[in-house]
Amino acid sequence: MISADGGRDCDLVLFGATGFVGRLVARRLAELELGELRVGLAGRTPAKLQALSDELGVDWPLIVADSSDAGSLAELARRSRVVVTTVGPYARDGLPLVRACAEAGTHYADLTGEPRFVRDSIDANQDTATRTGAKIVHACGFDSVPSDLGMLALADRVSSDGAGELTTATLLVISFKGGLSGGTIDSMRVGIDDVRDDPSLARKLSDPYLLSPDREDEPDLGRQSNTFLAQRLDDGSWVAPFIMASFNAQIVRRSNALLGHRYGRELRYREVVRTGSSLLAPVVAGGIALGAGALALGMQNRFSRPLLDRLLPDPGQGPSEKVQRNGRFRLDIRGITTTGATYTATVAADGDPGYAATSVMLSQAGLCLASDDLPAGGGVLTPAVAMGDALTARLRAKGFTLDVRRTS
């Protein structure tokens, strides 16, 4: 737990509290017994902040800040020990707040799934955050907590069993039920527009080791593309590409490198959607792959883009409470070790993955940074490196499944 500094009247401030995801996170925090923890709400519009405060029935400090106003962000960072932000797209709006937190020695957590933003954040803030002790933690939602904590648990179990180290790990999406928000779509738009304006970015952003702290020292492994139509695994089941695979894999590989290649120096890691082994399984797998490709191409094409922009949700929109409540996810990470042992880590939870479950993950990440006894040191980190077992314990206490079993 970081010590309270003079002038910091909040332990945790939620920035973007009145947005779609921000309101979900605020609601999660308001439902908890926070004891003496001082929580604040921040955003651009005082009236909206007050309305949210009244709706939640809380008497928390309200802080006016704007992502385009560096002065207000610096003041926000100075007032709190931890800032949690849902304001995106992060590549467009996020870097000034990261810089303010790094300079102030303020811990930070967000929900980004944008690889360019994280790479830019590392380049701009790693040295400063290391010096001030600020833990800058990106990807604290469904991007990429399940992948990151699941791999940490898998590797730690392999190590504790004396089974060598991991050589391959494949994350399979076993079930996924939920909705899509306008904020996610807007982040996709920004990423696609960036690549359209600078085509050389496409190759850079697809590098599996994009986020590695020492790119030149990484092995020439894991370079297999996540793009394919459909594949059949050795067990007879079919898989399709997972839309979040590329970014999640980059986060996992950064964790591995920051932890001294604790998962395995020669680790090959990938993520896919499992569609089963029935006669229809390859058709479903092919449909998922073609659908994802069609969406990406449609958003790149100047003729189809306006139509998709009208059909897809706008920023501030998202799935209904019913969709969020009825959602769920289950991910299995299957690993093989240097001794030939096999293990499976399962990460699962009820609730829409991107919103209901993500609001739990982000709120608990913020509380973990504010309250738990974490490893010393700052920098631009990952959930596994910054919080690891402490965040895992918090999520288990909230009903998440995160366990590992040896299968052979």
Protein backbone atom coordinates (compact mmCIF):
# COMPACT_ATOMS: atom_id res chain seq x y z
CA MET A 1 0.00 0.00 0.00
CA ILE A 2 1.48 3.35 -1.02
CA SER A 3 1.68 5.98 1.64
CA ALA A 4 -0.58 9.00 1.62
CA ASP A 5 1.21 12.07 0.29
CA GLY A 6 0.55 15.61 1.36
CA GLY A 7 -2.34 17.16 -0.55
CA ARG A 8 -3.77 13.84 -1.78
CA ASP A 9 -7.34 13.94 -0.58
CA CYS A 10 -8.34 10.75 -2.47
CA ASP A 11 -7.01 7.22 -2.45
CA LEU A 12 -8.72 6.29 -5.73
CA VAL A 13 -10.32 8.48 -8.39
CA LEU A 14 -12.39 7.12 -11.28
CA PHE A 15 -11.90 9.29 -14.39
CA GLY A 16 -14.62 9.03 -17.03
CA ALA A 17 -17.12 8.10 -14.34
CA THR A 18 -20.18 9.28 -16.30
CA GLY A 19 -19.40 7.30 -19.47
CA PHE A 20 -20.95 3.91 -20.22
CA VAL A 21 -18.22 1.76 -18.68
CA GLY A 22 -17.35 4.40 -16.10
CA ARG A 23 -20.85 4.24 -14.63
CA LEU A 24 -20.58 0.46 -14.32
CA VAL A 25 -17.28 0.76 -12.47
CA ALA A 26 -18.66 3.52 -10.25
CA ARG A 27 -21.61 1.32 -9.38
CA ARG A 28 -19.29 -1.56 -8.46
CA LEU A 29 -17.33 0.71 -6.13
CA ALA A 30 -20.48 2.12 -4.53
CA GLU A 31 -21.70 -1.40 -3.74
CA LEU A 32 -18.60 -2.20 -1.68
CA GLU A 33 -17.71 -1.62 1.93
CA LEU A 34 -14.74 0.67 1.41
CA GLY A 35 -14.02 1.50 5.03
CA GLU A 36 -11.76 4.54 5.23
CA LEU A 37 -10.74 4.38 1.56
CA ARG A 38 -11.36 7.77 -0.03
CA VAL A 39 -12.93 7.49 -3.51
CA GLY A 40 -13.55 10.32 -5.98
CA LEU A 41 -15.39 10.69 -9.28
CA ALA A 42 -13.87 12.69 -12.15
CA GLY A 43 -15.09 13.85 -15.54
CA ARG A 44 -15.64 16.86 -17.76
CA THR A 45 -19.13 17.94 -16.71
CA PRO A 46 -19.93 18.92 -13.11
CA ALA A 47 -23.69 18.43 -13.54
CA LYS A 48 -23.25 14.87 -14.81
CA LEU A 49 -20.88 14.05 -11.97
CA GLN A 50 -23.37 15.36 -9.42
CA ALA A 51 -26.22 13.42 -11.03
CA LEU A 52 -24.16 10.22 -10.86
CA SER A 53 -23.24 10.87 -7.25
CA ASP A 54 -26.93 11.36 -6.39
CA GLU A 55 -27.88 8.19 -8.28
CA LEU A 56 -25.27 6.15 -6.42
CA GLY A 57 -26.16 7.69 -3.08
CA VAL A 58 -22.55 8.57 -2.25
CA ASP A 59 -20.85 11.68 -0.96
CA TRP A 60 -17.52 11.40 -2.76
CA PRO A 61 -15.33 14.27 -4.01
CA LEU A 62 -16.21 15.36 -7.55
CA ILE A 63 -13.24 16.43 -9.67
CA VAL A 64 -13.60 18.25 -12.99
CA ALA A 65 -10.92 17.18 -15.46
CA ASP A 66 -10.66 17.01 -19.25
CA SER A 67 -8.40 14.72 -21.28
CA SER A 68 -7.48 17.70 -23.48
CA ASP A 69 -6.50 19.92 -20.53
CA ALA A 70 -3.05 18.96 -19.23
CA GLY A 71 -3.38 21.24 -16.22
CA SER A 72 -6.57 19.57 -15.00
CA LEU A 73 -5.01 16.12 -15.47
CA ALA A 74 -1.93 17.11 -13.49
CA GLU A 75 -4.18 18.33 -10.68
CA LEU A 76 -6.18 15.10 -10.81
CA ALA A 77 -2.99 13.02 -10.54
CA ARG A 78 -1.69 15.14 -7.67
CA ARG A 79 -4.90 14.70 -5.68
CA SER A 80 -5.09 10.90 -5.75
CA ARG A 81 -2.86 7.94 -5.00
CA VAL A 82 -4.55 5.86 -7.73
CA VAL A 83 -6.34 6.96 -10.91
CA VAL A 84 -8.57 4.51 -12.78
CA THR A 85 -9.65 5.70 -16.23
CA THR A 86 -12.25 4.56 -18.76
CA VAL A 87 -11.69 7.53 -21.11
CA GLY A 88 -10.86 6.38 -24.61
CA PRO A 89 -10.01 5.79 -27.33
CA TYR A 90 -6.77 5.78 -25.39
CA ALA A 91 -4.52 6.34 -28.42
CA ARG A 92 -6.35 9.63 -28.99
CA ASP A 93 -7.11 10.73 -25.43
CA GLY A 94 -4.99 8.71 -23.01
CA LEU A 95 -1.31 9.69 -23.06
CA PRO A 96 -1.56 13.04 -21.21
CA LEU A 97 -3.13 11.36 -18.17
CA VAL A 98 -0.53 8.57 -18.17
CA ARG A 99 2.21 11.20 -18.23
CA ALA A 100 0.58 13.16 -15.40
CA CYS A 101 0.33 10.04 -13.23
CA ALA A 102 3.88 8.94 -13.98
CA GLU A 103 5.24 12.36 -13.06
CA ALA A 104 3.17 12.58 -9.86
CA GLY A 105 4.04 9.07 -8.66
CA THR A 106 0.36 8.12 -8.92
CA HIS A 107 -0.66 4.56 -9.70
CA TYR A 108 -2.82 4.21 -12.83
CA ALA A 109 -5.11 1.55 -14.38
CA ASP A 110 -7.10 1.51 -17.61
CA LEU A 111 -9.05 -0.76 -19.98
CA THR A 112 -7.12 -0.28 -23.18
CA GLY A 113 -6.84 -2.94 -25.85
CA GLU A 114 -4.84 -0.64 -28.15
CA PRO A 115 -1.28 -1.87 -28.83
CA ARG A 116 0.00 1.39 -30.29
CA PHE A 117 -1.12 3.31 -27.21
CA VAL A 118 0.62 0.89 -24.85
CA ARG A 119 3.84 0.97 -26.90
CA ASP A 120 3.77 4.78 -26.94
CA SER A 121 3.06 4.81 -23.20
CA ILE A 122 6.07 2.58 -22.51
CA ASP A 123 8.36 4.72 -24.65
CA ALA A 124 7.19 7.98 -23.07
CA ASN A 125 6.74 7.00 -19.43
CA GLN A 126 8.78 3.95 -18.43
CA ASP A 127 11.76 5.89 -17.09
CA THR A 128 9.64 8.48 -15.29
CA ALA A 129 7.34 5.91 -13.68
CA THR A 130 10.31 3.82 -12.57
CA ARG A 131 11.85 6.89 -10.94
CA THR A 132 8.66 8.04 -9.16
CA GLY A 133 7.42 4.55 -8.25
CA ALA A 134 4.15 4.93 -10.18
CA LYS A 135 2.67 1.63 -11.33
CA ILE A 136 1.18 2.31 -14.77
CA VAL A 137 -1.01 -0.70 -15.51
CA HIS A 138 -2.72 -1.02 -18.86
CA ALA A 139 -5.26 -3.65 -20.00
CA CYS A 140 -7.12 -4.19 -16.72
CA GLY A 141 -10.35 -5.54 -18.20
CA PHE A 142 -11.28 -8.49 -20.39
CA ASP A 143 -8.36 -7.12 -22.38
CA SER A 144 -6.18 -8.66 -20.87
CA VAL A 145 -6.65 -9.77 -17.25
CA PRO A 146 -7.90 -13.34 -17.93
CA SER A 147 -5.04 -14.08 -20.35
CA ASP A 148 -2.42 -12.42 -18.17
CA LEU A 149 -3.41 -13.83 -14.78
CA GLY A 150 -4.26 -17.21 -16.29
CA MET A 151 -0.75 -17.55 -17.73
CA LEU A 152 0.81 -16.44 -14.45
CA ALA A 153 -1.15 -19.09 -12.54
CA LEU A 154 -0.31 -21.75 -15.13
CA ALA A 155 3.41 -20.99 -15.05
CA ASP A 156 3.53 -20.85 -11.26
CA ARG A 157 1.83 -24.24 -10.97
CA VAL A 158 4.29 -25.78 -13.44
CA SER A 159 7.17 -24.34 -11.46
CA SER A 160 5.83 -25.48 -8.08
CA ASP A 161 5.41 -29.03 -9.47
CA GLY A 162 8.98 -29.06 -10.76
CA ALA A 163 7.67 -29.84 -14.24
CA GLY A 164 10.17 -27.70 -16.14
CA GLU A 165 8.92 -24.64 -17.98
CA LEU A 166 6.26 -24.02 -20.58
CA THR A 167 7.08 -24.55 -24.23
CA THR A 168 3.61 -23.93 -25.70
CA ALA A 169 0.40 -22.44 -24.36
CA THR A 170 -2.87 -22.11 -26.26
CA LEU A 171 -5.76 -20.11 -24.87
CA LEU A 172 -9.10 -21.46 -26.09
CA VAL A 173 -12.26 -19.39 -25.80
CA ILE A 174 -14.66 -22.13 -24.67
CA SER A 175 -17.67 -19.89 -24.14
CA PHE A 176 -18.35 -16.20 -24.63
CA LYS A 177 -21.68 -14.44 -24.31
CA GLY A 178 -22.01 -10.68 -24.22
CA GLY A 179 -22.45 -7.42 -26.09
CA LEU A 180 -20.42 -4.70 -27.76
CA SER A 181 -20.18 -1.02 -26.81
CA GLY A 182 -19.62 2.10 -28.84
CA GLY A 183 -16.38 2.77 -26.99
CA THR A 184 -14.88 -0.48 -28.25
CA ILE A 185 -16.01 0.29 -31.79
CA ASP A 186 -14.54 3.80 -31.55
CA SER A 187 -11.17 2.33 -30.49
CA MET A 188 -11.30 0.03 -33.53
CA ARG A 189 -12.01 3.03 -35.76
CA VAL A 190 -9.01 4.93 -34.42
CA GLY A 191 -6.70 1.94 -34.90
CA ILE A 192 -7.91 1.30 -38.45
CA ASP A 193 -7.57 4.99 -39.34
CA ASP A 194 -4.03 5.08 -37.97
CA VAL A 195 -3.00 2.16 -40.18
CA ARG A 196 -4.75 3.68 -43.18
CA ASP A 197 -2.81 6.93 -42.67
CA ASP A 198 0.47 5.07 -42.09
CA PRO A 199 0.41 1.55 -43.64
CA SER A 200 3.82 0.74 -42.13
CA LEU A 201 2.11 0.55 -38.74
CA ALA A 202 0.31 -2.66 -39.71
CA ARG A 203 3.46 -4.77 -39.56
CA LYS A 204 4.71 -3.07 -36.40
CA LEU A 205 1.46 -3.48 -34.49
CA SER A 206 1.18 -7.17 -35.41
CA ASP A 207 4.62 -7.97 -33.94
CA PRO A 208 4.04 -10.49 -31.10
CA TYR A 209 6.90 -8.85 -29.18
CA LEU A 210 5.75 -5.27 -29.75
CA LEU A 211 5.57 -4.59 -26.01
CA SER A 212 8.70 -6.46 -24.97
CA PRO A 213 11.12 -4.44 -22.81
CA ASP A 214 14.01 -5.80 -24.90
CA ARG A 215 12.77 -6.65 -28.38
CA GLU A 216 16.18 -7.57 -29.77
CA ASP A 217 16.75 -10.16 -27.05
CA GLU A 218 13.55 -12.11 -27.75
CA PRO A 219 13.73 -15.52 -29.48
CA ASP A 220 12.46 -15.94 -33.03
CA LEU A 221 9.39 -17.77 -31.78
CA GLY A 222 5.71 -17.00 -31.49
CA ARG A 223 5.69 -15.20 -34.80
CA GLN A 224 2.86 -17.30 -36.16
CA SER A 225 -0.01 -15.15 -37.32
CA ASN A 226 -3.33 -15.16 -35.51
CA THR A 227 -5.01 -14.72 -38.90
CA PHE A 228 -6.41 -17.91 -40.49
CA LEU A 229 -9.75 -19.21 -41.71
CA ALA A 230 -10.13 -22.27 -39.50
CA GLN A 231 -7.87 -24.94 -38.05
CA ARG A 232 -8.32 -28.43 -36.67
CA LEU A 233 -6.48 -29.31 -33.47
CA ASP A 234 -4.92 -32.67 -32.68
CA ASP A 235 -7.92 -33.58 -30.49
CA GLY A 236 -10.26 -33.22 -33.47
CA SER A 237 -11.81 -29.90 -32.42
CA TRP A 238 -11.93 -26.84 -34.66
CA VAL A 239 -10.75 -23.34 -33.83
CA ALA A 240 -11.14 -19.87 -35.30
CA PRO A 241 -9.19 -16.63 -34.77
CA PHE A 242 -9.94 -14.69 -31.58
CA ILE A 243 -10.37 -10.98 -32.22
CA MET A 244 -8.40 -10.03 -29.10
CA ALA A 245 -5.60 -12.57 -29.60
CA SER A 246 -2.91 -10.28 -30.96
CA PHE A 247 -3.06 -7.69 -28.17
CA ASN A 248 -3.53 -10.23 -25.38
CA ALA A 249 -0.50 -12.17 -26.60
CA GLN A 250 1.59 -9.00 -26.60
CA ILE A 251 0.60 -8.35 -22.96
CA VAL A 252 1.41 -11.95 -21.95
CA ARG A 253 4.79 -11.76 -23.64
CA ARG A 254 5.58 -8.46 -21.89
CA SER A 255 4.72 -10.07 -18.55
CA ASN A 256 6.96 -13.03 -19.34
CA ALA A 257 9.89 -10.76 -20.20
CA LEU A 258 9.42 -8.45 -17.20
CA LEU A 259 9.34 -11.53 -14.95
CA GLY A 260 12.66 -12.79 -16.30
CA HIS A 261 10.99 -15.21 -18.75
CA ARG A 262 9.39 -17.05 -15.85
CA TYR A 263 6.85 -18.69 -18.18
CA GLY A 264 9.54 -20.10 -20.48
CA ARG A 265 12.29 -18.63 -22.61
CA GLU A 266 11.10 -20.48 -25.71
CA LEU A 267 7.37 -20.08 -25.05
CA ARG A 268 5.00 -20.21 -28.01
CA TYR A 269 1.66 -18.61 -27.11
CA ARG A 270 -1.55 -18.10 -29.07
CA GLU A 271 -5.29 -17.55 -28.54
CA VAL A 272 -8.18 -19.06 -30.52
CA VAL A 273 -11.93 -19.65 -30.34
CA ARG A 274 -12.93 -23.29 -29.96
CA THR A 275 -16.02 -24.24 -31.98
CA GLY A 276 -16.13 -27.94 -31.08
CA SER A 277 -15.77 -31.17 -33.03
CA SER A 278 -19.20 -31.65 -34.59
CA LEU A 279 -19.86 -31.69 -38.32
CA LEU A 280 -20.84 -28.02 -38.10
CA ALA A 281 -17.73 -27.00 -36.14
CA PRO A 282 -15.55 -26.17 -39.18
CA VAL A 283 -18.42 -24.18 -40.69
CA VAL A 284 -18.83 -22.16 -37.50
CA ALA A 285 -15.06 -21.62 -37.27
CA GLY A 286 -14.96 -20.44 -40.86
CA GLY A 287 -17.92 -18.14 -40.26
CA ILE A 288 -16.23 -16.50 -37.27
CA ALA A 289 -13.05 -15.94 -39.26
CA LEU A 290 -14.86 -14.56 -42.30
CA GLY A 291 -17.09 -12.34 -40.15
CA ALA A 292 -14.13 -10.79 -38.34
CA GLY A 293 -12.33 -10.24 -41.62
CA ALA A 294 -15.38 -8.71 -43.25
CA LEU A 295 -15.85 -6.26 -40.37
CA ALA A 296 -12.21 -5.16 -40.56
CA LEU A 297 -12.32 -4.75 -44.34
CA GLY A 298 -15.66 -2.97 -44.15
CA MET A 299 -14.33 -0.43 -41.66
CA GLN A 300 -11.27 0.18 -43.86
CA ASN A 301 -13.30 0.70 -47.04
CA ARG A 302 -14.38 4.30 -47.66
CA PHE A 303 -17.66 3.18 -49.26
CA SER A 304 -18.84 0.71 -46.61
CA ARG A 305 -17.47 2.62 -43.60
CA PRO A 306 -20.31 5.19 -43.44
CA LEU A 307 -22.91 2.40 -43.44
CA LEU A 308 -21.13 0.51 -40.65
CA ASP A 309 -20.78 3.73 -38.66
CA ARG A 310 -24.57 4.10 -38.76
CA LEU A 311 -25.22 0.47 -37.83
CA LEU A 312 -22.65 0.03 -35.07
CA PRO A 313 -23.11 1.55 -31.59
CA ASP A 314 -21.82 5.06 -30.92
CA PRO A 315 -19.52 6.00 -28.01
CA GLY A 316 -21.54 6.05 -24.79
CA GLN A 317 -23.76 3.19 -25.93
CA GLY A 318 -23.51 -0.44 -24.85
CA PRO A 319 -25.37 -3.66 -24.09
CA SER A 320 -28.51 -3.62 -21.97
CA GLU A 321 -28.52 -4.61 -18.32
CA LYS A 322 -30.18 -7.88 -19.30
CA VAL A 323 -27.41 -8.71 -21.80
CA GLN A 324 -24.78 -7.81 -19.22
CA ARG A 325 -26.47 -9.91 -16.53
CA ASN A 326 -26.89 -12.97 -18.77
CA GLY A 327 -23.37 -12.90 -20.18
CA ARG A 328 -20.49 -15.20 -19.27
CA PHE A 329 -17.09 -16.37 -20.39
CA ARG A 330 -14.79 -19.35 -19.94
CA LEU A 331 -11.22 -19.54 -21.19
CA ASP A 332 -8.97 -22.62 -21.00
CA ILE A 333 -5.21 -22.20 -21.37
CA ARG A 334 -3.59 -25.51 -22.30
CA GLY A 335 0.13 -25.71 -21.68
CA ILE A 336 2.86 -28.23 -22.44
CA THR A 337 6.15 -28.20 -20.53
CA THR A 338 9.73 -29.14 -21.29
CA THR A 339 9.19 -32.41 -19.35
CA GLY A 340 6.15 -33.35 -21.45
CA ALA A 341 3.62 -32.60 -18.70
CA THR A 342 0.34 -30.96 -19.68
CA TYR A 343 -1.71 -28.49 -17.66
CA THR A 344 -4.91 -26.51 -18.13
CA ALA A 345 -5.69 -23.17 -16.49
CA THR A 346 -9.36 -22.15 -16.48
CA VAL A 347 -10.50 -18.55 -16.13
CA ALA A 348 -14.26 -18.00 -16.03
CA ALA A 349 -16.91 -15.64 -14.70
CA ASP A 350 -20.59 -14.82 -15.01
CA GLY A 351 -21.64 -11.52 -16.56
CA ASP A 352 -21.01 -9.93 -19.93
CA PRO A 353 -17.22 -10.21 -20.46
CA GLY A 354 -16.61 -6.71 -21.79
CA TYR A 355 -18.81 -4.83 -19.35
CA ALA A 356 -20.25 -6.64 -16.31
CA ALA A 357 -17.13 -8.76 -15.75
CA THR A 358 -14.78 -6.03 -16.91
CA SER A 359 -16.23 -3.52 -14.44
CA VAL A 360 -15.39 -5.98 -11.66
CA MET A 361 -11.86 -6.46 -12.99
CA LEU A 362 -11.12 -2.74 -13.31
CA SER A 363 -12.65 -1.76 -9.97
CA GLN A 364 -10.75 -4.53 -8.18
CA ALA A 365 -7.53 -3.54 -9.97
CA GLY A 366 -7.93 0.00 -8.69
CA LEU A 367 -8.61 -1.19 -5.15
CA CYS A 368 -5.67 -3.58 -5.37
CA LEU A 369 -3.33 -0.72 -6.32
CA ALA A 370 -4.74 1.44 -3.54
CA SER A 371 -4.91 -1.06 -0.69
CA ASP A 372 -2.83 -4.20 -1.18
CA ASP A 373 0.76 -5.05 -0.33
CA LEU A 374 2.27 -5.21 -3.82
CA PRO A 375 5.81 -5.73 -5.12
CA ALA A 376 7.90 -2.58 -4.87
CA GLY A 377 8.83 -0.56 -7.92
CA GLY A 378 7.10 1.36 -10.65
CA GLY A 379 7.06 1.44 -14.42
CA VAL A 380 4.70 0.66 -17.26
CA LEU A 381 3.60 -2.79 -16.16
CA THR A 382 0.99 -5.47 -16.83
CA PRO A 383 -1.71 -6.75 -14.45
CA ALA A 384 0.29 -9.93 -13.76
CA VAL A 385 3.51 -8.05 -12.99
CA ALA A 386 1.99 -5.17 -11.01
CA MET A 387 -0.64 -7.07 -9.02
CA GLY A 388 -0.37 -10.80 -9.75
CA ASP A 389 -1.63 -13.01 -6.93
CA ALA A 390 -3.22 -10.10 -5.06
CA LEU A 391 -5.57 -9.32 -7.96
CA THR A 392 -6.22 -13.03 -8.52
CA ALA A 393 -7.34 -13.38 -4.88
CA ARG A 394 -9.63 -10.37 -5.22
CA LEU A 395 -11.29 -11.74 -8.35
CA ARG A 396 -11.79 -15.16 -6.81
CA ALA A 397 -13.50 -13.46 -3.88
CA LYS A 398 -15.86 -11.86 -6.41
CA GLY A 399 -16.87 -15.21 -7.90
CA PHE A 400 -14.32 -15.59 -10.67
CA THR A 401 -12.89 -19.04 -11.38
CA LEU A 402 -9.12 -19.11 -11.80
CA ASP A 403 -7.60 -22.53 -11.24
CA VAL A 404 -4.99 -24.84 -12.73
CA ARG A 405 -5.02 -28.64 -13.02
CA ARG A 406 -2.47 -31.10 -14.32
CA THR A 407 -3.93 -33.18 -17.13
CA SER A 408 -1.05 -35.59 -17.82
